Structures are given as C-alpha cells and as structure tokens.
Amino acid sequence: MKNRLLLGLMILSLIAAACGGGTAATTGGDIADTTAAGDDPGTTAGDAGTVTTMGIDSSKPTINLVVNAWTASALNVEIAKQLIEGQLGYPVEAVTIDENAAMYTGLADGTLDAVLELWPSGITEDEQTFLDEGTVVNIGELGAVGQIGWFVPDYVIAEHPELATWEGFQDPANAALFATAETGDQGRFLGTDPSYSQYDEPIIANLGLPFQVVYSGSEAATVAELDLRVAAQEPILMYWWTPTAAFAKYNLVQVELPAYSEECYAEVSAVDCAYPEDRLIKVASAHLEEKAPDVFEFLSNFTQTTEDQLSMLPAAEIDGEDLDVVAKGWIDANQAIWQAWLP
C-alpha cells in the first residue's frame, strides 16, 4: 500500500472519480447548508438535529489530500473532504498518487497537504529523511491497525494443512498446485499493485521457495482473480492485508512466515520474515499549519479505527456503492465523533 503494506476493490481511476466528485457534506441527509449570518460552523441546529455548515469559501486556499491506491485511503480522504468543506469552508482536492518519492516531495514543498493513511513499514530510508528533516510531519496515529501478509483461502489449508506455514511451500509438489502457464514449474505468488511496498520477492528468494511473483497490477485485479479462483475452489497464494472486506468475504487465512524482527528488515534484499503489524499514521506538509491552522488541527484530530473502516469497506468494495455516499453515511451516523475533531 504502499503497503498497503500494507488493505479494495476499485481501479485507481474509479477511486479518483469517486473521491474527486464527493461533495455530500453540503447536500442532503443529516448535514445541510443551514448556516445563517452569525452562526458558528459545526454547531447543532436545535430540534432538526442538523449540523450547520459554512459551505465552501472560495477565498480560502485549496487543501490537497493524497489518495493512495487502496479503498480505505480513499474513504479516509472522502470523509475528511466532506467535513473540511462543510465545516471549515475550505475547498478540497483529492489527489490520486502512488505512495512514492513524488508524494513526499509534494508534501515537502507544500504542493500536497496531507496523507491520512501511511503504513510505517513501507517508509523507505530516503522517505524517512523528509520526516527527519521536518519538511513532512507526523500528525498522529490514524487509529486503524494494518497487517500485510501472505494469504490463501481456507479451503487450501483444509486440503493441505502443511500450507498453513511457509515450510509447506518448500515442497515443489505443493508449489505446482499454484503454477500457471506464466510461471512454468514454479508456483505463482500473486502480488498486487507494484507501487505498494512489497517484500515478497526477497522473502521467497531468501527462504528458497520455488515460487515466482506475478503482479496483478491493482487491488481490483487481485480481487477479480481471487473471485474466480474461489468460485472454482482453486489454490491461490497472494499478497493481501487487513482491514479489507475481502478478508472476510473470501475466508482468507494468513500463512505463517518466520517471525518479524527489526533486524530482518534492516536490509531489504535480506528480508526473510513476516511483515510487521502497522499502526497506521497520518503525515502532513510542514507548510500546512501556517497555510490553514484549523485544517491542520482538524487532521491531527482525525481518526478512523479498524472498526470504522470495516464498517464501510464492504459497502464500497463488495456492494459497489459510491465512496462519497459511503463516507456521508459514516458522517451522518457519527456526528459526536467528528464534531470533537473540529477546532
């Protein structure tokens, strides 16, 4: 997600369209543009139970929030967008970009303002330099806990219990269960979006497993492949993560790899152990606090727990609901939570 290392199920263009078009914070439902002269934004409007909103003030600077290539990231941004526009009055742009050096450069120079879901295990040494120098600042934990790993459907373990751990994949006969025309006599390990931080190639090489990594290209493509394999009850071994709706829908089981250690990840080429658990964080441009101090405070307070994400991901990833609608549903149901984020 990078890691994603690191967790839905839409192609990037669909994510961008859904995020960029969401303006539900000022239309319909429980949140309405009811601010009168002299009203304070973010207050409850009496008997109607509606929440007053400022509406977008075109004199305020645009806030550019990064959308990375997984659904939870897009939902985080859509919730923040609707509230920043409706409650603080700033126009918001959702900027679709891979989790890479260009993202950090954009944060450092102020072109981009914030990333609301960053998987710490995916931060490279070069990227950490931006944080160490202070041009990109950590604005706190998001609240969700992520776990990247190797996953198979539960029927794979039921038929081959030895595949519950990595040792079972050493057997060429077991690897052949996952082989495709593309991988020949090696098993296929299905990667996802190549822009994610993924260590599967060194893990496979360093553990001496007869597998080849093949990248699907996107989260959506991985899920499409998973759907076909599960329908046919065929083996599939894949990079995946939680929280996602697919984890429960397809009864995925995480394969046990050698235990994670910091020493194991000290050198990327030498990685031969499991991915770490990630307590997801938010980062912002150091310029944001001066540019829009109230937005900086809001985003510092902004949270999405694992449970929050799991409450929305099935609607977005399985039912195909528009992300702006899903986000607005969460906002309508959690007024007390998000009001506490406002400056």
Foldseek 3Di string as FASTA:
>chain_A
DLVVVPAFADFLVQLQVLLQPFQCLDDDDQEHQPDDPPDAFLDADPPSRHGHFDAADVVAEEAEEEQEFDDLQSLLSLLLQNCCRGRVRHHYHYHYDFPDPVVLVCQLVVVHWKRQWDFVLQQDPVSVVSPVVPQKDFLWFQAAKKFKAKKKFPVVCVVPVLQLAPVSQQDLVVQCLQDDPVLPSGHEEEEEAPSRRDLVVLQCVLVVGRYDYDYLNGNNSVVVVLVVCLVVVGIHMYIHMPDAPVCVVRRMRGRAFADDDPVLPPDSNRRRGGRDITRITMMTGSCVCVSPVQSSQLSSLNHAYSVNSNVQRCCCRPVVDRSSVSSVVSCSVPSVSSSVSGD
